[in-house]
């Protein structure tokens, strides 16, 4: 990938939303909720502290993460829809 996030930003590939409910009802694409889980594909070097040092990020490339419903910014790189967000928008790492 030719994109490198800056500072404490993370590039995430959203995982596909469920197309069926638990009861088996198929949800049309226009009514599906925005995905809240994704795979980290690039991370920035970290946030700069007041003393000039860099605080490394807790997430790394390959992690599957949960993020808030309205977190991040949707972007398109080489035709692929991705999300870029601050590490603080990430709620946790799915282990």
N, C-alpha and C. Protein backbone atom coordinates (compact mmCIF):
# COMPACT_ATOMS: atom_id res chain seq x y z
N UNK A 1 0.85 -1.17 0.00
CA UNK A 1 0.00 0.00 0.00
C UNK A 1 0.89 1.23 0.00
N UNK A 2 0.55 2.21 -0.80
CA UNK A 2 1.35 3.41 -0.94
C UNK A 2 0.84 4.54 -0.05
N UNK A 3 0.11 4.23 0.98
CA UNK A 3 -0.43 5.26 1.87
C UNK A 3 0.09 5.01 3.27
N UNK A 4 0.60 6.07 3.90
CA UNK A 4 1.12 5.97 5.26
C UNK A 4 0.43 7.03 6.11
N UNK A 5 -0.36 6.61 7.11
CA UNK A 5 -1.02 7.58 7.98
C UNK A 5 0.00 8.38 8.79
N UNK A 6 -0.36 9.59 9.15
CA UNK A 6 0.50 10.44 9.96
C UNK A 6 0.07 10.40 11.42
N UNK A 7 1.01 10.71 12.29
CA UNK A 7 0.78 10.85 13.73
C UNK A 7 0.10 9.62 14.32
N UNK A 8 -1.03 9.80 15.02
CA UNK A 8 -1.70 8.69 15.69
C UNK A 8 -2.91 8.19 14.90
N UNK A 9 -2.81 8.27 13.58
CA UNK A 9 -3.92 7.82 12.74
C UNK A 9 -3.70 6.38 12.28
N UNK A 10 -4.83 5.70 12.01
CA UNK A 10 -4.82 4.29 11.66
C UNK A 10 -5.69 4.12 10.42
N UNK A 11 -5.23 3.33 9.45
CA UNK A 11 -6.00 3.02 8.25
C UNK A 11 -6.62 1.64 8.44
N UNK A 12 -7.95 1.56 8.31
CA UNK A 12 -8.70 0.34 8.60
C UNK A 12 -9.52 -0.08 7.39
N UNK A 13 -9.50 -1.38 7.10
CA UNK A 13 -10.37 -1.95 6.07
C UNK A 13 -11.60 -2.52 6.80
N UNK A 14 -12.77 -1.85 6.65
CA UNK A 14 -13.97 -2.33 7.35
C UNK A 14 -14.34 -3.74 6.90
N UNK A 15 -14.76 -4.57 7.86
CA UNK A 15 -15.25 -5.90 7.53
C UNK A 15 -16.68 -5.78 7.06
N UNK A 16 -17.10 -6.68 6.20
CA UNK A 16 -18.46 -6.63 5.65
C UNK A 16 -19.50 -6.76 6.75
N UNK A 17 -20.56 -5.96 6.63
CA UNK A 17 -21.67 -6.02 7.59
C UNK A 17 -22.47 -7.29 7.36
N UNK A 18 -23.13 -7.74 8.41
CA UNK A 18 -23.99 -8.92 8.31
C UNK A 18 -25.12 -8.63 7.32
N UNK A 19 -25.41 -9.60 6.47
CA UNK A 19 -26.50 -9.44 5.51
C UNK A 19 -27.79 -10.09 5.99
N UNK A 20 -27.72 -10.82 7.11
CA UNK A 20 -28.90 -11.46 7.68
C UNK A 20 -28.98 -11.13 9.16
N UNK A 21 -30.21 -11.07 9.66
CA UNK A 21 -30.40 -10.91 11.10
C UNK A 21 -30.28 -12.27 11.75
N UNK A 22 -30.27 -12.31 13.07
CA UNK A 22 -30.21 -13.58 13.79
C UNK A 22 -31.41 -14.46 13.46
N UNK A 23 -32.54 -13.86 13.12
CA UNK A 23 -33.75 -14.60 12.77
C UNK A 23 -33.78 -15.04 11.32
N UNK A 24 -32.77 -14.68 10.54
CA UNK A 24 -32.69 -15.12 9.15
C UNK A 24 -33.25 -14.14 8.14
N UNK A 25 -33.63 -12.95 8.57
CA UNK A 25 -34.16 -11.95 7.64
C UNK A 25 -33.00 -11.31 6.89
N UNK A 26 -33.10 -11.27 5.56
CA UNK A 26 -32.03 -10.68 4.74
C UNK A 26 -32.22 -9.17 4.73
N UNK A 27 -31.12 -8.45 5.00
CA UNK A 27 -31.14 -6.98 5.06
C UNK A 27 -30.62 -6.44 3.73
N UNK A 28 -31.39 -5.58 3.04
CA UNK A 28 -30.89 -5.00 1.79
C UNK A 28 -29.70 -4.09 2.06
N UNK A 29 -28.82 -3.94 1.07
CA UNK A 29 -27.60 -3.15 1.21
C UNK A 29 -27.84 -1.73 1.68
N UNK A 30 -28.94 -1.12 1.26
CA UNK A 30 -29.21 0.27 1.65
C UNK A 30 -29.60 0.40 3.10
N UNK A 31 -30.07 -0.69 3.73
CA UNK A 31 -30.52 -0.63 5.12
C UNK A 31 -29.49 -1.18 6.09
N UNK A 32 -28.38 -1.70 5.57
CA UNK A 32 -27.37 -2.28 6.45
C UNK A 32 -26.67 -1.19 7.25
N UNK A 33 -26.32 -1.55 8.47
CA UNK A 33 -25.59 -0.61 9.32
C UNK A 33 -24.15 -0.52 8.87
N UNK A 34 -23.56 0.62 9.13
CA UNK A 34 -22.16 0.83 8.83
C UNK A 34 -21.33 -0.15 9.66
N UNK A 35 -20.33 -0.81 9.06
CA UNK A 35 -19.52 -1.76 9.83
C UNK A 35 -18.82 -1.09 11.00
N UNK A 36 -18.67 -1.83 12.11
CA UNK A 36 -17.99 -1.30 13.28
C UNK A 36 -16.78 -2.15 13.63
N UNK A 37 -16.39 -3.00 12.71
CA UNK A 37 -15.25 -3.87 12.92
C UNK A 37 -14.40 -3.83 11.65
N UNK A 38 -13.09 -3.87 11.82
CA UNK A 38 -12.24 -3.83 10.65
C UNK A 38 -10.84 -4.34 10.95
N UNK A 39 -10.05 -4.46 9.89
CA UNK A 39 -8.68 -4.93 10.00
C UNK A 39 -7.74 -3.76 9.75
N UNK A 40 -6.77 -3.57 10.63
CA UNK A 40 -5.79 -2.49 10.51
C UNK A 40 -4.83 -2.83 9.37
N UNK A 41 -4.70 -1.91 8.40
CA UNK A 41 -3.78 -2.17 7.29
C UNK A 41 -2.59 -1.21 7.26
N UNK A 42 -2.65 -0.12 8.04
CA UNK A 42 -1.50 0.79 8.15
C UNK A 42 -1.66 1.63 9.40
N UNK A 43 -0.54 1.97 10.04
CA UNK A 43 -0.57 2.82 11.24
C UNK A 43 0.49 3.91 11.11
N UNK A 44 0.21 5.04 11.76
CA UNK A 44 1.18 6.13 11.80
C UNK A 44 2.24 5.84 12.85
N UNK A 45 3.26 6.69 12.92
CA UNK A 45 4.35 6.47 13.87
C UNK A 45 3.95 6.69 15.33
N UNK A 46 2.92 7.49 15.59
CA UNK A 46 2.48 7.75 16.95
C UNK A 46 2.27 9.23 17.20
N UNK A 47 1.63 9.53 18.31
CA UNK A 47 1.36 10.92 18.67
C UNK A 47 2.60 11.55 19.31
N UNK A 48 2.80 12.81 19.02
CA UNK A 48 3.94 13.52 19.59
C UNK A 48 3.55 14.10 20.95
N UNK A 49 4.35 13.78 21.95
CA UNK A 49 4.11 14.30 23.30
C UNK A 49 4.63 15.72 23.39
N UNK A 50 4.32 16.39 24.50
CA UNK A 50 4.75 17.78 24.69
C UNK A 50 6.27 17.90 24.74
N UNK A 51 6.96 16.87 25.23
CA UNK A 51 8.42 16.93 25.31
C UNK A 51 9.10 16.58 23.98
N UNK A 52 8.30 16.30 22.94
CA UNK A 52 8.85 16.01 21.62
C UNK A 52 9.02 14.53 21.33
N UNK A 53 8.91 13.68 22.34
CA UNK A 53 9.03 12.24 22.09
C UNK A 53 7.74 11.72 21.44
N UNK A 54 7.82 10.54 20.89
CA UNK A 54 6.66 9.97 20.21
C UNK A 54 6.09 8.82 21.03
N UNK A 55 4.77 8.87 21.26
CA UNK A 55 4.06 7.80 21.97
C UNK A 55 3.59 6.79 20.94
N UNK A 56 4.18 5.60 20.93
CA UNK A 56 3.83 4.59 19.94
C UNK A 56 2.39 4.13 20.12
N UNK A 57 1.81 3.64 19.04
CA UNK A 57 0.42 3.19 19.05
C UNK A 57 0.31 1.78 19.64
N UNK A 58 -0.85 1.49 20.23
CA UNK A 58 -1.12 0.17 20.78
C UNK A 58 -1.56 -0.83 19.71
N UNK A 59 -2.15 -0.33 18.62
CA UNK A 59 -2.59 -1.23 17.55
C UNK A 59 -1.47 -1.40 16.53
N UNK A 60 -1.51 -2.52 15.82
CA UNK A 60 -0.50 -2.78 14.79
C UNK A 60 -1.18 -3.35 13.55
N UNK A 61 -0.49 -3.35 12.46
CA UNK A 61 -1.01 -3.88 11.20
C UNK A 61 -1.42 -5.34 11.41
N UNK A 62 -2.61 -5.68 10.94
CA UNK A 62 -3.13 -7.03 11.07
C UNK A 62 -4.12 -7.21 12.20
N UNK A 63 -4.17 -6.27 13.15
CA UNK A 63 -5.13 -6.36 14.26
C UNK A 63 -6.56 -6.19 13.73
N UNK A 64 -7.49 -6.93 14.30
CA UNK A 64 -8.92 -6.71 14.04
C UNK A 64 -9.43 -5.86 15.18
N UNK A 65 -10.04 -4.74 14.85
CA UNK A 65 -10.44 -3.76 15.86
C UNK A 65 -11.93 -3.44 15.79
N UNK A 66 -12.46 -2.98 16.92
CA UNK A 66 -13.82 -2.44 16.99
C UNK A 66 -13.71 -0.93 17.11
N UNK A 67 -14.58 -0.23 16.41
CA UNK A 67 -14.56 1.24 16.49
C UNK A 67 -16.00 1.74 16.56
N UNK A 68 -16.14 2.99 16.97
CA UNK A 68 -17.46 3.59 17.13
C UNK A 68 -18.20 3.69 15.81
N UNK A 69 -19.53 3.70 15.89
CA UNK A 69 -20.38 3.72 14.71
C UNK A 69 -20.09 4.91 13.79
N UNK A 70 -19.80 6.05 14.35
CA UNK A 70 -19.57 7.25 13.53
C UNK A 70 -18.11 7.69 13.55
N UNK A 71 -17.22 6.77 13.85
CA UNK A 71 -15.79 7.09 13.94
C UNK A 71 -15.15 7.16 12.56
N UNK A 72 -14.11 7.95 12.48
CA UNK A 72 -13.27 7.98 11.29
C UNK A 72 -13.87 8.68 10.09
N UNK A 73 -13.08 8.67 9.02
CA UNK A 73 -13.46 9.28 7.76
C UNK A 73 -13.32 8.23 6.67
N UNK A 74 -14.36 8.08 5.87
CA UNK A 74 -14.31 7.12 4.78
C UNK A 74 -13.51 7.72 3.63
N UNK A 75 -12.56 6.93 3.11
CA UNK A 75 -11.75 7.37 1.98
C UNK A 75 -11.69 6.24 0.96
N UNK A 76 -11.27 6.57 -0.25
CA UNK A 76 -11.14 5.57 -1.30
C UNK A 76 -9.71 5.64 -1.83
N UNK A 77 -9.00 4.51 -1.77
CA UNK A 77 -7.64 4.42 -2.28
C UNK A 77 -7.60 3.28 -3.29
N UNK A 78 -7.24 3.61 -4.52
CA UNK A 78 -7.18 2.63 -5.61
C UNK A 78 -8.48 1.84 -5.72
N UNK A 79 -9.61 2.52 -5.59
CA UNK A 79 -10.92 1.91 -5.74
C UNK A 79 -11.42 1.15 -4.52
N UNK A 80 -10.61 1.05 -3.47
CA UNK A 80 -11.01 0.32 -2.27
C UNK A 80 -11.49 1.31 -1.21
N UNK A 81 -12.67 1.01 -0.61
CA UNK A 81 -13.20 1.88 0.43
C UNK A 81 -12.57 1.52 1.77
N UNK A 82 -11.90 2.49 2.38
CA UNK A 82 -11.20 2.31 3.65
C UNK A 82 -11.64 3.40 4.61
N UNK A 83 -11.21 3.28 5.85
CA UNK A 83 -11.49 4.31 6.85
C UNK A 83 -10.18 4.72 7.51
N UNK A 84 -10.05 6.01 7.74
CA UNK A 84 -8.90 6.52 8.49
C UNK A 84 -9.45 7.16 9.76
N UNK A 85 -8.80 6.84 10.88
CA UNK A 85 -9.28 7.35 12.16
C UNK A 85 -8.12 7.50 13.13
N UNK A 86 -8.35 8.27 14.17
CA UNK A 86 -7.36 8.38 15.24
C UNK A 86 -7.42 7.12 16.08
N UNK A 87 -6.30 6.77 16.69
CA UNK A 87 -6.28 5.58 17.52
C UNK A 87 -7.30 5.68 18.66
N UNK A 88 -7.57 6.87 19.13
CA UNK A 88 -8.53 7.05 20.22
C UNK A 88 -9.97 6.71 19.80
N UNK A 89 -10.25 6.64 18.48
CA UNK A 89 -11.58 6.24 17.99
C UNK A 89 -11.77 4.73 18.07
N UNK A 90 -10.68 4.00 18.25
CA UNK A 90 -10.74 2.54 18.32
C UNK A 90 -11.11 2.14 19.74
N UNK A 91 -12.13 1.30 19.86
CA UNK A 91 -12.64 0.89 21.17
C UNK A 91 -11.86 -0.28 21.74
N UNK A 92 -11.35 -1.15 20.88
CA UNK A 92 -10.62 -2.31 21.37
C UNK A 92 -10.15 -3.20 20.25
N UNK A 93 -9.30 -4.15 20.62
CA UNK A 93 -8.74 -5.13 19.68
C UNK A 93 -9.46 -6.45 19.92
N UNK A 94 -9.96 -7.05 18.84
CA UNK A 94 -10.63 -8.34 18.93
C UNK A 94 -9.56 -9.42 18.91
N UNK A 95 -9.51 -10.23 19.97
CA UNK A 95 -8.45 -11.23 20.09
C UNK A 95 -8.91 -12.54 19.67
